[in-house]
C-alpha atoms as a PDB file:
ATOM      1  CA  UNK A   1     377.288 162.543  74.644  1.00  0.00           C
ATOM      2  CA  UNK A   2     375.244 163.821  77.559  1.00  0.00           C
ATOM      3  CA  UNK A   3     372.967 166.790  77.359  1.00  0.00           C
ATOM      4  CA  UNK A   4     372.564 169.236  80.172  1.00  0.00           C
ATOM      5  CA  UNK A   5     369.013 169.714  81.358  1.00  0.00           C
ATOM      6  CA  UNK A   6     367.764 173.222  81.637  1.00  0.00           C
ATOM      7  CA  UNK A   7     366.689 174.216  85.152  1.00  0.00           C
ATOM      8  CA  UNK A   8     362.969 174.825  85.241  1.00  0.00           C
ATOM      9  CA  UNK A   9     362.175 174.954  88.950  1.00  0.00           C
ATOM     10  CA  UNK A  10     363.414 177.291  91.633  1.00  0.00           C
ATOM     11  CA  UNK A  11     364.635 175.122  94.472  1.00  0.00           C
ATOM     12  CA  UNK A  12     364.831 178.302  96.566  1.00  0.00           C
ATOM     13  CA  UNK A  13     361.044 178.710  96.393  1.00  0.00           C
ATOM     14  CA  UNK A  14     360.432 175.051  97.143  1.00  0.00           C
ATOM     15  CA  UNK A  15     362.926 175.201 100.035  1.00  0.00           C
ATOM     16  CA  UNK A  16     361.015 178.057 101.669  1.00  0.00           C
ATOM     17  CA  UNK A  17     357.739 176.161 101.307  1.00  0.00           C
ATOM     18  CA  UNK A  18     359.249 173.126 103.031  1.00  0.00           C
ATOM     19  CA  UNK A  19     360.996 175.123 105.758  1.00  0.00           C
ATOM     20  CA  UNK A  20     357.825 177.051 106.579  1.00  0.00           C
ATOM     21  CA  UNK A  21     356.094 173.674 107.064  1.00  0.00           C
ATOM     22  CA  UNK A  22     358.779 172.539 109.526  1.00  0.00           C
ATOM     23  CA  UNK A  23     361.049 170.477 107.270  1.00  0.00           C
ATOM     24  CA  UNK A  24     364.853 170.568 107.651  1.00  0.00           C
ATOM     25  CA  UNK A  25     366.386 171.247 104.222  1.00  0.00           C
ATOM     26  CA  UNK A  26     369.783 170.934 102.561  1.00  0.00           C
ATOM     27  CA  UNK A  27     371.346 171.032  99.105  1.00  0.00           C
ATOM     28  CA  UNK A  28     371.772 173.375  96.178  1.00  0.00           C
ATOM     29  CA  UNK A  29     371.574 171.331  92.954  1.00  0.00           C
ATOM     30  CA  UNK A  30     369.196 168.798  94.503  1.00  0.00           C
ATOM     31  CA  UNK A  31     367.009 169.817  97.427  1.00  0.00           C
ATOM     32  CA  UNK A  32     366.593 167.340 100.263  1.00  0.00           C
ATOM     33  CA  UNK A  33     364.230 167.816 103.176  1.00  0.00           C
ATOM     34  CA  UNK A  34     363.610 165.663 106.225  1.00  0.00           C
ATOM     35  CA  UNK A  35     361.042 165.535 108.988  1.00  0.00           C
ATOM     36  CA  UNK A  36     360.234 163.042 111.720  1.00  0.00           C
ATOM     37  CA  UNK A  37     357.014 162.708 113.672  1.00  0.00           C
ATOM     38  CA  UNK A  38     354.887 159.992 115.265  1.00  0.00           C
ATOM     39  CA  UNK A  39     353.973 158.672 111.787  1.00  0.00           C
ATOM     40  CA  UNK A  40     357.571 158.044 110.760  1.00  0.00           C
ATOM     41  CA  UNK A  41     360.624 159.643 109.215  1.00  0.00           C
ATOM     42  CA  UNK A  42     360.040 161.420 105.909  1.00  0.00           C
ATOM     43  CA  UNK A  43     362.606 162.456 103.302  1.00  0.00           C
ATOM     44  CA  UNK A  44     361.822 164.487 100.188  1.00  0.00           C
ATOM     45  CA  UNK A  45     364.285 164.881  97.307  1.00  0.00           C
ATOM     46  CA  UNK A  46     363.597 167.382  94.514  1.00  0.00           C
ATOM     47  CA  UNK A  47     365.764 168.167  91.510  1.00  0.00           C
ATOM     48  CA  UNK A  48     365.667 171.245  89.278  1.00  0.00           C
ATOM     49  CA  UNK A  49     363.817 169.288  86.611  1.00  0.00           C
ATOM     50  CA  UNK A  50     360.853 168.946  88.985  1.00  0.00           C
ATOM     51  CA  UNK A  51     361.257 165.286  89.896  1.00  0.00           C
ATOM     52  CA  UNK A  52     360.055 164.687  93.448  1.00  0.00           C
ATOM     53  CA  UNK A  53     360.677 161.592  95.567  1.00  0.00           C
ATOM     54  CA  UNK A  54     359.175 161.001  99.002  1.00  0.00           C
ATOM     55  CA  UNK A  55     360.415 158.217 101.260  1.00  0.00           C
ATOM     56  CA  UNK A  56     358.640 157.294 104.482  1.00  0.00           C
ATOM     57  CA  UNK A  57     360.311 154.994 106.993  1.00  0.00           C
ATOM     58  CA  UNK A  58     357.977 153.804 109.737  1.00  0.00           C
ATOM     59  CA  UNK A  59     358.251 151.426 112.656  1.00  0.00           C
ATOM     60  CA  UNK A  60     355.720 148.614 112.226  1.00  0.00           C
ATOM     61  CA  UNK A  61     356.732 146.236 115.012  1.00  0.00           C
ATOM     62  CA  UNK A  62     358.988 146.416 118.003  1.00  0.00           C
ATOM     63  CA  UNK A  63     359.761 143.483 120.244  1.00  0.00           C
ATOM     64  CA  UNK A  64     360.444 143.934 123.939  1.00  0.00           C
ATOM     65  CA  UNK A  65     364.142 144.265 124.634  1.00  0.00           C
ATOM     66  CA  UNK A  66     366.021 141.534 126.407  1.00  0.00           C
ATOM     67  CA  UNK A  67     369.373 141.127 128.072  1.00  0.00           C
ATOM     68  CA  UNK A  68     371.517 138.188 127.007  1.00  0.00           C
ATOM     69  CA  UNK A  69     374.530 137.019 128.997  1.00  0.00           C
ATOM     70  CA  UNK A  70     377.306 135.327 127.057  1.00  0.00           C
ATOM     71  CA  UNK A  71     380.961 134.747 127.870  1.00  0.00           C
ATOM     72  CA  UNK A  72     380.866 136.932 130.981  1.00  0.00           C
ATOM     73  CA  UNK A  73     379.350 139.894 129.181  1.00  0.00           C
ATOM     74  CA  UNK A  74     375.823 141.327 129.044  1.00  0.00           C
ATOM     75  CA  UNK A  75     374.264 142.308 125.720  1.00  0.00           C
ATOM     76  CA  UNK A  76     371.085 144.311 125.220  1.00  0.00           C
ATOM     77  CA  UNK A  77     369.140 142.871 122.289  1.00  0.00           C
ATOM     78  CA  UNK A  78     366.353 144.769 120.584  1.00  0.00           C
ATOM     79  CA  UNK A  79     364.561 143.916 117.328  1.00  0.00           C
ATOM     80  CA  UNK A  80     362.288 146.142 115.278  1.00  0.00           C
ATOM     81  CA  UNK A  81     360.625 145.900 111.881  1.00  0.00           C
ATOM     82  CA  UNK A  82     360.237 148.889 109.604  1.00  0.00           C
ATOM     83  CA  UNK A  83     358.338 149.645 106.423  1.00  0.00           C
ATOM     84  CA  UNK A  84     359.828 151.886 103.740  1.00  0.00           C
ATOM     85  CA  UNK A  85     357.528 153.484 101.189  1.00  0.00           C
ATOM     86  CA  UNK A  86     358.826 155.328  98.093  1.00  0.00           C
ATOM     87  CA  UNK A  87     356.638 157.607  95.987  1.00  0.00           C
ATOM     88  CA  UNK A  88     357.825 159.594  92.970  1.00  0.00           C
ATOM     89  CA  UNK A  89     356.270 162.107  90.601  1.00  0.00           C
ATOM     90  CA  UNK A  90     357.207 165.093  88.458  1.00  0.00           C
ATOM     91  CA  UNK A  91     356.001 168.637  89.045  1.00  0.00           C
ATOM     92  CA  UNK A  92     354.408 170.609  86.257  1.00  0.00           C
ATOM     93  CA  UNK A  93     354.524 173.953  88.090  1.00  0.00           C
ATOM     94  CA  UNK A  94     355.993 175.213  91.350  1.00  0.00           C
ATOM     95  CA  UNK A  95     352.535 176.322  92.447  1.00  0.00           C
ATOM     96  CA  UNK A  96     351.266 172.735  92.602  1.00  0.00           C
ATOM     97  CA  UNK A  97     354.034 171.640  95.001  1.00  0.00           C
ATOM     98  CA  UNK A  98     352.006 172.040  98.227  1.00  0.00           C
ATOM     99  CA  UNK A  99     349.151 169.941  96.859  1.00  0.00           C
ATOM    100  CA  UNK A 100     351.503 167.326  95.392  1.00  0.00           C
ATOM    101  CA  UNK A 101     353.426 166.999  98.660  1.00  0.00           C
ATOM    102  CA  UNK A 102     350.189 166.650 100.637  1.00  0.00           C
ATOM    103  CA  UNK A 103     348.983 163.926  98.245  1.00  0.00           C
ATOM    104  CA  UNK A 104     352.317 162.099  98.457  1.00  0.00           C
ATOM    105  CA  UNK A 105     352.221 162.210 102.269  1.00  0.00           C
ATOM    106  CA  UNK A 106     348.653 160.876 102.243  1.00  0.00           C
ATOM    107  CA  UNK A 107     349.606 158.053  99.857  1.00  0.00           C
ATOM    108  CA  UNK A 108     352.642 157.147 101.991  1.00  0.00           C
ATOM    109  CA  UNK A 109     350.498 156.966 105.130  1.00  0.00           C
ATOM    110  CA  UNK A 110     347.733 154.946 103.474  1.00  0.00           C
ATOM    111  CA  UNK A 111     350.188 152.499 101.878  1.00  0.00           C
ATOM    112  CA  UNK A 112     351.256 151.228 105.287  1.00  0.00           C
ATOM    113  CA  UNK A 113     347.653 150.531 106.291  1.00  0.00           C
ATOM    114  CA  UNK A 114     347.064 148.002 103.489  1.00  0.00           C
END
């Protein structure tokens, strides 16, 4: 038998915080938000129980492209390496969300420098 969790967090409030900071948001039961900048692509997922997951995908190496000719056809070949960092936590209050998100972003950025 499964039990239904009681909603404790207003995703509407958290959505407006994210949107005012420039994130693109989506979802009703689970809030997702995405943003890309020079430091990578970031995705935040938040559920009504206050669980927050941040994923950062960042380019760490990119080889020069090359053209390969095979069987009378030309192919452009490009290789890149990426790093994906996942960070999760649980909110205690909605008011701490800004600070928690800032800390998660900082941790995601510092993780790639190790």
